[in-house]
Amino acid sequence: MENNTEIEAAVFRKLLKHLDERKEVQNIDLMNLADFCRNCLSKWYVSEASERGVEVEYEEARTMVYGMPYDEWKQKYQKKATPEQLAAFNNRK
């Protein structure tokens, strides 16, 4: 496919927009259901940039993924994990 990279980039942007529009979905929910979260996306971004010789700081990648600095997102949107969420997280291995 000729435009594969462009399509993949567009899909990634759509995924970020989708997550941004669903801030009620907590990272622990994503981890429990799909084994990845917003922080994982940030780490993958840093890793792939590094493989291409581009230095991207982790906090810079998190700001891109979260649409704001992580600490701000965490304060505004992150809820304390419930005992059920933590149990599911700890039992998923």
PDB file of N, CA and C in Angstrom:
ATOM      1  N   MET A   1       0.856  -1.177   0.000  1.00  0.00           N
ATOM      2  CA  MET A   1       0.000   0.000   0.000  1.00  0.00           C
ATOM      3  C   MET A   1       0.901   1.239   0.000  1.00  0.00           C
ATOM      4  N   GLU A   2       0.704   2.100  -0.956  1.00  0.00           N
ATOM      5  CA  GLU A   2       1.565   3.274  -1.117  1.00  0.00           C
ATOM      6  C   GLU A   2       1.491   4.264   0.023  1.00  0.00           C
ATOM      7  N   ASN A   3       0.327   4.590   0.456  1.00  0.00           N
ATOM      8  CA  ASN A   3       0.140   5.616   1.481  1.00  0.00           C
ATOM      9  C   ASN A   3       0.024   5.023   2.878  1.00  0.00           C
ATOM     10  N   ASN A   4       0.629   3.885   3.100  1.00  0.00           N
ATOM     11  CA  ASN A   4       0.503   3.173   4.365  1.00  0.00           C
ATOM     12  C   ASN A   4       0.883   4.048   5.556  1.00  0.00           C
ATOM     13  N   THR A   5       2.004   4.734   5.488  1.00  0.00           N
ATOM     14  CA  THR A   5       2.466   5.562   6.604  1.00  0.00           C
ATOM     15  C   THR A   5       1.480   6.682   6.892  1.00  0.00           C
ATOM     16  N   GLU A   6       0.967   7.305   5.856  1.00  0.00           N
ATOM     17  CA  GLU A   6      -0.019   8.382   6.041  1.00  0.00           C
ATOM     18  C   GLU A   6      -1.294   7.847   6.685  1.00  0.00           C
ATOM     19  N   ILE A   7      -1.718   6.690   6.251  1.00  0.00           N
ATOM     20  CA  ILE A   7      -2.932   6.083   6.809  1.00  0.00           C
ATOM     21  C   ILE A   7      -2.702   5.726   8.274  1.00  0.00           C
ATOM     22  N   GLU A   8      -1.559   5.107   8.562  1.00  0.00           N
ATOM     23  CA  GLU A   8      -1.251   4.746   9.945  1.00  0.00           C
ATOM     24  C   GLU A   8      -1.186   5.981  10.840  1.00  0.00           C
ATOM     25  N   ALA A   9      -0.595   7.054  10.343  1.00  0.00           N
ATOM     26  CA  ALA A   9      -0.520   8.299  11.116  1.00  0.00           C
ATOM     27  C   ALA A   9      -1.918   8.854  11.377  1.00  0.00           C
ATOM     28  N   ALA A  10      -2.772   8.805  10.378  1.00  0.00           N
ATOM     29  CA  ALA A  10      -4.140   9.294  10.542  1.00  0.00           C
ATOM     30  C   ALA A  10      -4.905   8.446  11.554  1.00  0.00           C
ATOM     31  N   VAL A  11      -4.696   7.135  11.510  1.00  0.00           N
ATOM     32  CA  VAL A  11      -5.353   6.243  12.468  1.00  0.00           C
ATOM     33  C   VAL A  11      -4.867   6.536  13.878  1.00  0.00           C
ATOM     34  N   PHE A  12      -3.565   6.776  14.043  1.00  0.00           N
ATOM     35  CA  PHE A  12      -3.018   7.111  15.358  1.00  0.00           C
ATOM     36  C   PHE A  12      -3.635   8.408  15.876  1.00  0.00           C
ATOM     37  N   ARG A  13      -3.740   9.412  15.012  1.00  0.00           N
ATOM     38  CA  ARG A  13      -4.365  10.675  15.433  1.00  0.00           C
ATOM     39  C   ARG A  13      -5.818  10.452  15.821  1.00  0.00           C
ATOM     40  N   LYS A  14      -6.515   9.604  15.081  1.00  0.00           N
ATOM     41  CA  LYS A  14      -7.913   9.303  15.398  1.00  0.00           C
ATOM     42  C   LYS A  14      -8.019   8.568  16.732  1.00  0.00           C
ATOM     43  N   LEU A  15      -7.097   7.650  17.003  1.00  0.00           N
ATOM     44  CA  LEU A  15      -7.070   6.947  18.286  1.00  0.00           C
ATOM     45  C   LEU A  15      -6.862   7.936  19.424  1.00  0.00           C
ATOM     46  N   LEU A  16      -5.918   8.849  19.275  1.00  0.00           N
ATOM     47  CA  LEU A  16      -5.681   9.855  20.319  1.00  0.00           C
ATOM     48  C   LEU A  16      -6.915  10.723  20.531  1.00  0.00           C
ATOM     49  N   LYS A  17      -7.564  11.109  19.449  1.00  0.00           N
ATOM     50  CA  LYS A  17      -8.786  11.925  19.553  1.00  0.00           C
ATOM     51  C   LYS A  17      -9.884  11.129  20.253  1.00  0.00           C
ATOM     52  N   HIS A  18     -10.003   9.877  19.898  1.00  0.00           N
ATOM     53  CA  HIS A  18     -11.008   9.007  20.512  1.00  0.00           C
ATOM     54  C   HIS A  18     -10.770   8.907  22.024  1.00  0.00           C
ATOM     55  N   LEU A  19      -9.523   8.677  22.429  1.00  0.00           N
ATOM     56  CA  LEU A  19      -9.207   8.602  23.855  1.00  0.00           C
ATOM     57  C   LEU A  19      -9.439   9.950  24.533  1.00  0.00           C
ATOM     58  N   ASP A  20      -9.110  11.033  23.845  1.00  0.00           N
ATOM     59  CA  ASP A  20      -9.296  12.362  24.424  1.00  0.00           C
ATOM     60  C   ASP A  20     -10.777  12.649  24.666  1.00  0.00           C
ATOM     61  N   GLU A  21     -11.627  12.150  23.805  1.00  0.00           N
ATOM     62  CA  GLU A  21     -13.068  12.363  23.947  1.00  0.00           C
ATOM     63  C   GLU A  21     -13.685  11.429  24.983  1.00  0.00           C
ATOM     64  N   ARG A  22     -12.897  10.497  25.491  1.00  0.00           N
ATOM     65  CA  ARG A  22     -13.385   9.532  26.474  1.00  0.00           C
ATOM     66  C   ARG A  22     -12.476   9.507  27.699  1.00  0.00           C
ATOM     67  N   LYS A  23     -12.324  10.684  28.274  1.00  0.00           N
ATOM     68  CA  LYS A  23     -11.446  10.822  29.443  1.00  0.00           C
ATOM     69  C   LYS A  23     -11.948  10.013  30.631  1.00  0.00           C
ATOM     70  N   GLU A  24     -13.221   9.648  30.630  1.00  0.00           N
ATOM     71  CA  GLU A  24     -13.755   8.835  31.729  1.00  0.00           C
ATOM     72  C   GLU A  24     -13.171   7.417  31.703  1.00  0.00           C
ATOM     73  N   VAL A  25     -12.642   7.007  30.570  1.00  0.00           N
ATOM     74  CA  VAL A  25     -11.996   5.703  30.486  1.00  0.00           C
ATOM     75  C   VAL A  25     -10.620   5.829  31.122  1.00  0.00           C
ATOM     76  N   GLN A  26     -10.465   5.172  32.228  1.00  0.00           N
ATOM     77  CA  GLN A  26      -9.230   5.257  32.994  1.00  0.00           C
ATOM     78  C   GLN A  26      -8.163   4.336  32.405  1.00  0.00           C
ATOM     79  N   ASN A  27      -6.916   4.683  32.651  1.00  0.00           N
ATOM     80  CA  ASN A  27      -5.815   3.853  32.156  1.00  0.00           C
ATOM     81  C   ASN A  27      -5.912   2.423  32.681  1.00  0.00           C
ATOM     82  N   ILE A  28      -6.310   2.259  33.927  1.00  0.00           N
ATOM     83  CA  ILE A  28      -6.416   0.903  34.476  1.00  0.00           C
ATOM     84  C   ILE A  28      -7.482   0.103  33.730  1.00  0.00           C
ATOM     85  N   ASP A  29      -8.548   0.764  33.280  1.00  0.00           N
ATOM     86  CA  ASP A  29      -9.561   0.085  32.467  1.00  0.00           C
ATOM     87  C   ASP A  29      -8.954  -0.394  31.151  1.00  0.00           C
ATOM     88  N   LEU A  30      -8.183   0.471  30.523  1.00  0.00           N
ATOM     89  CA  LEU A  30      -7.523   0.096  29.273  1.00  0.00           C
ATOM     90  C   LEU A  30      -6.556  -1.068  29.495  1.00  0.00           C
ATOM     91  N   MET A  31      -5.778  -0.992  30.566  1.00  0.00           N
ATOM     92  CA  MET A  31      -4.833  -2.065  30.864  1.00  0.00           C
ATOM     93  C   MET A  31      -5.564  -3.384  31.105  1.00  0.00           C
ATOM     94  N   ASN A  32      -6.647  -3.334  31.856  1.00  0.00           N
ATOM     95  CA  ASN A  32      -7.390  -4.553  32.168  1.00  0.00           C
ATOM     96  C   ASN A  32      -8.052  -5.159  30.935  1.00  0.00           C
ATOM     97  N   LEU A  33      -8.510  -4.318  30.027  1.00  0.00           N
ATOM     98  CA  LEU A  33      -9.222  -4.811  28.852  1.00  0.00           C
ATOM     99  C   LEU A  33      -8.321  -5.083  27.653  1.00  0.00           C
ATOM    100  N   ALA A  34      -7.299  -4.241  27.468  1.00  0.00           N
ATOM    101  CA  ALA A  34      -6.521  -4.323  26.232  1.00  0.00           C
ATOM    102  C   ALA A  34      -5.018  -4.478  26.447  1.00  0.00           C
ATOM    103  N   ASP A  35      -4.580  -4.463  27.704  1.00  0.00           N
ATOM    104  CA  ASP A  35      -3.164  -4.617  28.047  1.00  0.00           C
ATOM    105  C   ASP A  35      -2.294  -3.492  27.496  1.00  0.00           C
ATOM    106  N   PHE A  36      -2.872  -2.302  27.356  1.00  0.00           N
ATOM    107  CA  PHE A  36      -2.110  -1.103  27.047  1.00  0.00           C
ATOM    108  C   PHE A  36      -2.913   0.087  27.551  1.00  0.00           C
ATOM    109  N   CYS A  37      -2.228   1.223  27.713  1.00  0.00           N
ATOM    110  CA  CYS A  37      -2.915   2.441  28.154  1.00  0.00           C
ATOM    111  C   CYS A  37      -2.262   3.649  27.496  1.00  0.00           C
ATOM    112  N   ARG A  38      -2.675   4.815  27.893  1.00  0.00           N
ATOM    113  CA  ARG A  38      -2.115   6.050  27.339  1.00  0.00           C
ATOM    114  C   ARG A  38      -0.615   6.144  27.602  1.00  0.00           C
ATOM    115  N   ASN A  39      -0.178   5.705  28.772  1.00  0.00           N
ATOM    116  CA  ASN A  39       1.249   5.737  29.076  1.00  0.00           C
ATOM    117  C   ASN A  39       2.017   4.784  28.166  1.00  0.00           C
ATOM    118  N   CYS A  40       1.432   3.644  27.856  1.00  0.00           N
ATOM    119  CA  CYS A  40       2.068   2.709  26.934  1.00  0.00           C
ATOM    120  C   CYS A  40       2.250   3.366  25.561  1.00  0.00           C
ATOM    121  N   LEU A  41       1.211   4.034  25.082  1.00  0.00           N
ATOM    122  CA  LEU A  41       1.324   4.734  23.798  1.00  0.00           C
ATOM    123  C   LEU A  41       2.473   5.728  23.832  1.00  0.00           C
ATOM    124  N   SER A  42       2.615   6.431  24.943  1.00  0.00           N
ATOM    125  CA  SER A  42       3.701   7.406  25.082  1.00  0.00           C
ATOM    126  C   SER A  42       5.055   6.715  25.026  1.00  0.00           C
ATOM    127  N   LYS A  43       5.183   5.599  25.722  1.00  0.00           N
ATOM    128  CA  LYS A  43       6.449   4.849  25.722  1.00  0.00           C
ATOM    129  C   LYS A  43       6.750   4.302  24.336  1.00  0.00           C
ATOM    130  N   TRP A  44       5.735   3.803  23.646  1.00  0.00           N
ATOM    131  CA  TRP A  44       5.940   3.294  22.294  1.00  0.00           C
ATOM    132  C   TRP A  44       6.395   4.414  21.363  1.00  0.00           C
ATOM    133  N   TYR A  45       5.820   5.596  21.539  1.00  0.00           N
ATOM    134  CA  TYR A  45       6.191   6.745  20.714  1.00  0.00           C
ATOM    135  C   TYR A  45       7.668   7.080  20.916  1.00  0.00           C
ATOM    136  N   VAL A  46       8.096   7.152  22.177  1.00  0.00           N
ATOM    137  CA  VAL A  46       9.496   7.446  22.495  1.00  0.00           C
ATOM    138  C   VAL A  46      10.406   6.383  21.884  1.00  0.00           C
ATOM    139  N   SER A  47      10.027   5.125  22.025  1.00  0.00           N
ATOM    140  CA  SER A  47      10.829   4.017  21.515  1.00  0.00           C
ATOM    141  C   SER A  47      10.970   4.067  19.996  1.00  0.00           C
ATOM    142  N   GLU A  48       9.867   4.265  19.311  1.00  0.00           N
ATOM    143  CA  GLU A  48       9.902   4.313  17.844  1.00  0.00           C
ATOM    144  C   GLU A  48      10.670   5.533  17.345  1.00  0.00           C
ATOM    145  N   ALA A  49      10.540   6.646  18.035  1.00  0.00           N
ATOM    146  CA  ALA A  49      11.319   7.840  17.664  1.00  0.00           C
ATOM    147  C   ALA A  49      12.805   7.542  17.815  1.00  0.00           C
ATOM    148  N   SER A  50      13.174   6.922  18.928  1.00  0.00           N
ATOM    149  CA  SER A  50      14.574   6.597  19.195  1.00  0.00           C
ATOM    150  C   SER A  50      15.145   5.678  18.121  1.00  0.00           C
ATOM    151  N   GLU A  51      14.355   4.684  17.699  1.00  0.00           N
ATOM    152  CA  GLU A  51      14.808   3.766  16.650  1.00  0.00           C
ATOM    153  C   GLU A  51      15.079   4.488  15.334  1.00  0.00           C
ATOM    154  N   ARG A  52      14.483   5.652  15.172  1.00  0.00           N
ATOM    155  CA  ARG A  52      14.664   6.442  13.954  1.00  0.00           C
ATOM    156  C   ARG A  52      15.638   7.602  14.166  1.00  0.00           C
ATOM    157  N   GLY A  53      16.339   7.579  15.313  1.00  0.00           N
ATOM    158  CA  GLY A  53      17.342   8.589  15.595  1.00  0.00           C
ATOM    159  C   GLY A  53      16.788   9.924  16.055  1.00  0.00           C
ATOM    160  N   VAL A  54      15.538   9.928  16.507  1.00  0.00           N
ATOM    161  CA  VAL A  54      14.896  11.149  16.978  1.00  0.00           C
ATOM    162  C   VAL A  54      14.722  11.045  18.484  1.00  0.00           C
ATOM    163  N   GLU A  55      15.210  12.039  19.193  1.00  0.00           N
ATOM    164  CA  GLU A  55      15.074  12.027  20.646  1.00  0.00           C
ATOM    165  C   GLU A  55      13.784  12.730  21.047  1.00  0.00           C
ATOM    166  N   VAL A  56      12.923  12.003  21.714  1.00  0.00           N
ATOM    167  CA  VAL A  56      11.674  12.542  22.248  1.00  0.00           C
ATOM    168  C   VAL A  56      11.645  12.192  23.727  1.00  0.00           C
ATOM    169  N   GLU A  57      11.476  13.189  24.554  1.00  0.00           N
ATOM    170  CA  GLU A  57      11.378  12.952  25.999  1.00  0.00           C
ATOM    171  C   GLU A  57      10.028  12.309  26.312  1.00  0.00           C
ATOM    172  N   TYR A  58      10.034  11.444  27.317  1.00  0.00           N
ATOM    173  CA  TYR A  58       8.812  10.745  27.718  1.00  0.00           C
ATOM    174  C   TYR A  58       7.691  11.729  28.068  1.00  0.00           C
ATOM    175  N   GLU A  59       8.010  12.768  28.831  1.00  0.00           N
ATOM    176  CA  GLU A  59       6.967  13.737  29.209  1.00  0.00           C
ATOM    177  C   GLU A  59       6.423  14.474  27.990  1.00  0.00           C
ATOM    178  N   GLU A  60       7.270  14.707  27.007  1.00  0.00           N
ATOM    179  CA  GLU A  60       6.822  15.322  25.758  1.00  0.00           C
ATOM    180  C   GLU A  60       5.833  14.405  25.036  1.00  0.00           C
ATOM    181  N   ALA A  61       6.157  13.117  25.005  1.00  0.00           N
ATOM    182  CA  ALA A  61       5.260  12.148  24.370  1.00  0.00           C
ATOM    183  C   ALA A  61       3.947  12.042  25.141  1.00  0.00           C
ATOM    184  N   ARG A  62       4.019  12.053  26.475  1.00  0.00           N
ATOM    185  CA  ARG A  62       2.779  11.977  27.266  1.00  0.00           C
ATOM    186  C   ARG A  62       1.914  13.204  27.029  1.00  0.00           C
ATOM    187  N   THR A  63       2.521  14.368  26.914  1.00  0.00           N
ATOM    188  CA  THR A  63       1.750  15.579  26.632  1.00  0.00           C
ATOM    189  C   THR A  63       1.040  15.441  25.291  1.00  0.00           C
ATOM    190  N   MET A  64       1.706  14.858  24.312  1.00  0.00           N
ATOM    191  CA  MET A  64       1.087  14.656  23.009  1.00  0.00           C
ATOM    192  C   MET A  64      -0.076  13.674  23.121  1.00  0.00           C
ATOM    193  N   VAL A  65       0.119  12.576  23.835  1.00  0.00           N
ATOM    194  CA  VAL A  65      -0.917  11.547  23.950  1.00  0.00           C
ATOM    195  C   VAL A  65      -2.098  12.041  24.784  1.00  0.00           C
ATOM    196  N   TYR A  66      -1.812  12.711  25.886  1.00  0.00           N
ATOM    197  CA  TYR A  66      -2.876  13.170  26.789  1.00  0.00           C
ATOM    198  C   TYR A  66      -3.501  14.489  26.349  1.00  0.00           C
ATOM    199  N   GLY A  67      -2.846  15.216  25.460  1.00  0.00           N
ATOM    200  CA  GLY A  67      -3.369  16.504  25.014  1.00  0.00           C
ATOM    201  C   GLY A  67      -3.099  17.626  26.007  1.00  0.00           C
ATOM    202  N   MET A  68      -2.308  17.342  27.017  1.00  0.00           N
ATOM    203  CA  MET A  68      -1.937  18.311  28.058  1.00  0.00           C
ATOM    204  C   MET A  68      -0.856  17.634  28.901  1.00  0.00           C
ATOM    205  N   PRO A  69      -0.172  18.395  29.733  1.00  0.00           N
ATOM    206  CA  PRO A  69       0.802  17.741  30.614  1.00  0.00           C
ATOM    207  C   PRO A  69       0.126  16.654  31.449  1.00  0.00           C
ATOM    208  N   TYR A  70       0.834  15.548  31.633  1.00  0.00           N
ATOM    209  CA  TYR A  70       0.265  14.403  32.337  1.00  0.00           C
ATOM    210  C   TYR A  70      -0.227  14.770  33.734  1.00  0.00           C
ATOM    211  N   ASP A  71       0.556  15.537  34.483  1.00  0.00           N
ATOM    212  CA  ASP A  71       0.143  15.906  35.843  1.00  0.00           C
ATOM    213  C   ASP A  71      -1.193  16.645  35.841  1.00  0.00           C
ATOM    214  N   GLU A  72      -1.395  17.493  34.838  1.00  0.00           N
ATOM    215  CA  GLU A  72      -2.665  18.223  34.722  1.00  0.00           C
ATOM    216  C   GLU A  72      -3.805  17.251  34.408  1.00  0.00           C
ATOM    217  N   TRP A  73      -3.580  16.336  33.455  1.00  0.00           N
ATOM    218  CA  TRP A  73      -4.602  15.357  33.104  1.00  0.00           C
ATOM    219  C   TRP A  73      -4.948  14.507  34.318  1.00  0.00           C
ATOM    220  N   LYS A  74      -3.904  14.069  35.020  1.00  0.00           N
ATOM    221  CA  LYS A  74      -4.099  13.212  36.186  1.00  0.00           C
ATOM    222  C   LYS A  74      -4.949  13.916  37.245  1.00  0.00           C
ATOM    223  N   GLN A  75      -4.645  15.180  37.483  1.00  0.00           N
ATOM    224  CA  GLN A  75      -5.392  15.940  38.485  1.00  0.00           C
ATOM    225  C   GLN A  75      -6.853  16.140  38.067  1.00  0.00           C
ATOM    226  N   LYS A  76      -7.075  16.387  36.785  1.00  0.00           N
ATOM    227  CA  LYS A  76      -8.431  16.671  36.303  1.00  0.00           C
ATOM    228  C   LYS A  76      -9.279  15.416  36.096  1.00  0.00           C
ATOM    229  N   TYR A  77      -8.655  14.323  35.628  1.00  0.00           N
ATOM    230  CA  TYR A  77      -9.456  13.210  35.121  1.00  0.00           C
ATOM    231  C   TYR A  77      -9.194  11.849  35.765  1.00  0.00           C
ATOM    232  N   GLN A  78      -8.036  11.650  36.353  1.00  0.00           N
ATOM    233  CA  GLN A  78      -7.741  10.319  36.886  1.00  0.00           C
ATOM    234  C   GLN A  78      -8.423  10.115  38.230  1.00  0.00           C
ATOM    235  N   LYS A  79      -9.143   9.021  38.314  1.00  0.00           N
ATOM    236  CA  LYS A  79      -9.824   8.666  39.552  1.00  0.00           C
ATOM    237  C   LYS A  79      -9.026   7.586  40.259  1.00  0.00           C
ATOM    238  N   LYS A  80      -9.238   7.487  41.539  1.00  0.00           N
ATOM    239  CA  LYS A  80      -8.591   6.420  42.310  1.00  0.00           C
ATOM    240  C   LYS A  80      -9.153   5.078  41.843  1.00  0.00           C
ATOM    241  N   ALA A  81      -8.265   4.130  41.626  1.00  0.00           N
ATOM    242  CA  ALA A  81      -8.689   2.806  41.168  1.00  0.00           C
ATOM    243  C   ALA A  81      -9.521   2.131  42.249  1.00  0.00           C
ATOM    244  N   THR A  82     -10.563   1.462  41.811  1.00  0.00           N
ATOM    245  CA  THR A  82     -11.416   0.726  42.746  1.00  0.00           C
ATOM    246  C   THR A  82     -10.740  -0.584  43.126  1.00  0.00           C
ATOM    247  N   PRO A  83     -11.149  -1.181  44.224  1.00  0.00           N
ATOM    248  CA  PRO A  83     -10.596  -2.502  44.579  1.00  0.00           C
ATOM    249  C   PRO A  83     -10.815  -3.529  43.458  1.00  0.00           C
ATOM    250  N   GLU A  84     -11.943  -3.454  42.780  1.00  0.00           N
ATOM    251  CA  GLU A  84     -12.228  -4.375  41.677  1.00  0.00           C
ATOM    252  C   GLU A  84     -11.259  -4.161  40.507  1.00  0.00           C
ATOM    253  N   GLN A  85     -10.995  -2.898  40.173  1.00  0.00           N
ATOM    254  CA  GLN A  85     -10.053  -2.607  39.088  1.00  0.00           C
ATOM    255  C   GLN A  85      -8.654  -3.110  39.448  1.00  0.00           C
ATOM    256  N   LEU A  86      -8.236  -2.858  40.678  1.00  0.00           N
ATOM    257  CA  LEU A  86      -6.913  -3.301  41.112  1.00  0.00           C
ATOM    258  C   LEU A  86      -6.807  -4.816  41.114  1.00  0.00           C
ATOM    259  N   ALA A  87      -7.849  -5.493  41.567  1.00  0.00           N
ATOM    260  CA  ALA A  87      -7.848  -6.954  41.579  1.00  0.00           C
ATOM    261  C   ALA A  87      -7.745  -7.492  40.154  1.00  0.00           C
ATOM    262  N   ALA A  88      -8.518  -6.920  39.250  1.00  0.00           N
ATOM    263  CA  ALA A  88      -8.461  -7.361  37.842  1.00  0.00           C
ATOM    264  C   ALA A  88      -7.071  -7.110  37.266  1.00  0.00           C
ATOM    265  N   PHE A  89      -6.474  -5.969  37.595  1.00  0.00           N
ATOM    266  CA  PHE A  89      -5.142  -5.637  37.127  1.00  0.00           C
ATOM    267  C   PHE A  89      -4.124  -6.643  37.653  1.00  0.00           C
ATOM    268  N   ASN A  90      -4.204  -6.951  38.917  1.00  0.00           N
ATOM    269  CA  ASN A  90      -3.242  -7.858  39.539  1.00  0.00           C
ATOM    270  C   ASN A  90      -3.433  -9.309  39.110  1.00  0.00           C
ATOM    271  N   ASN A  91      -4.636  -9.655  38.656  1.00  0.00           N
ATOM    272  CA  ASN A  91      -4.930 -11.037  38.244  1.00  0.00           C
ATOM    273  C   ASN A  91      -4.790 -11.274  36.743  1.00  0.00           C
ATOM    274  N   ARG A  92      -4.441 -10.284  35.973  1.00  0.00           N
ATOM    275  CA  ARG A  92      -4.432 -10.432  34.519  1.00  0.00           C
ATOM    276  C   ARG A  92      -3.209 -11.147  33.983  1.00  0.00           C
ATOM    277  N   LYS A  93      -2.269 -11.486  34.803  1.00  0.00           N
ATOM    278  CA  LYS A  93      -1.029 -12.117  34.319  1.00  0.00           C
ATOM    279  C   LYS A  93      -1.209 -13.562  34.068  1.00  0.00           C
TER     280      LYS A  93
END
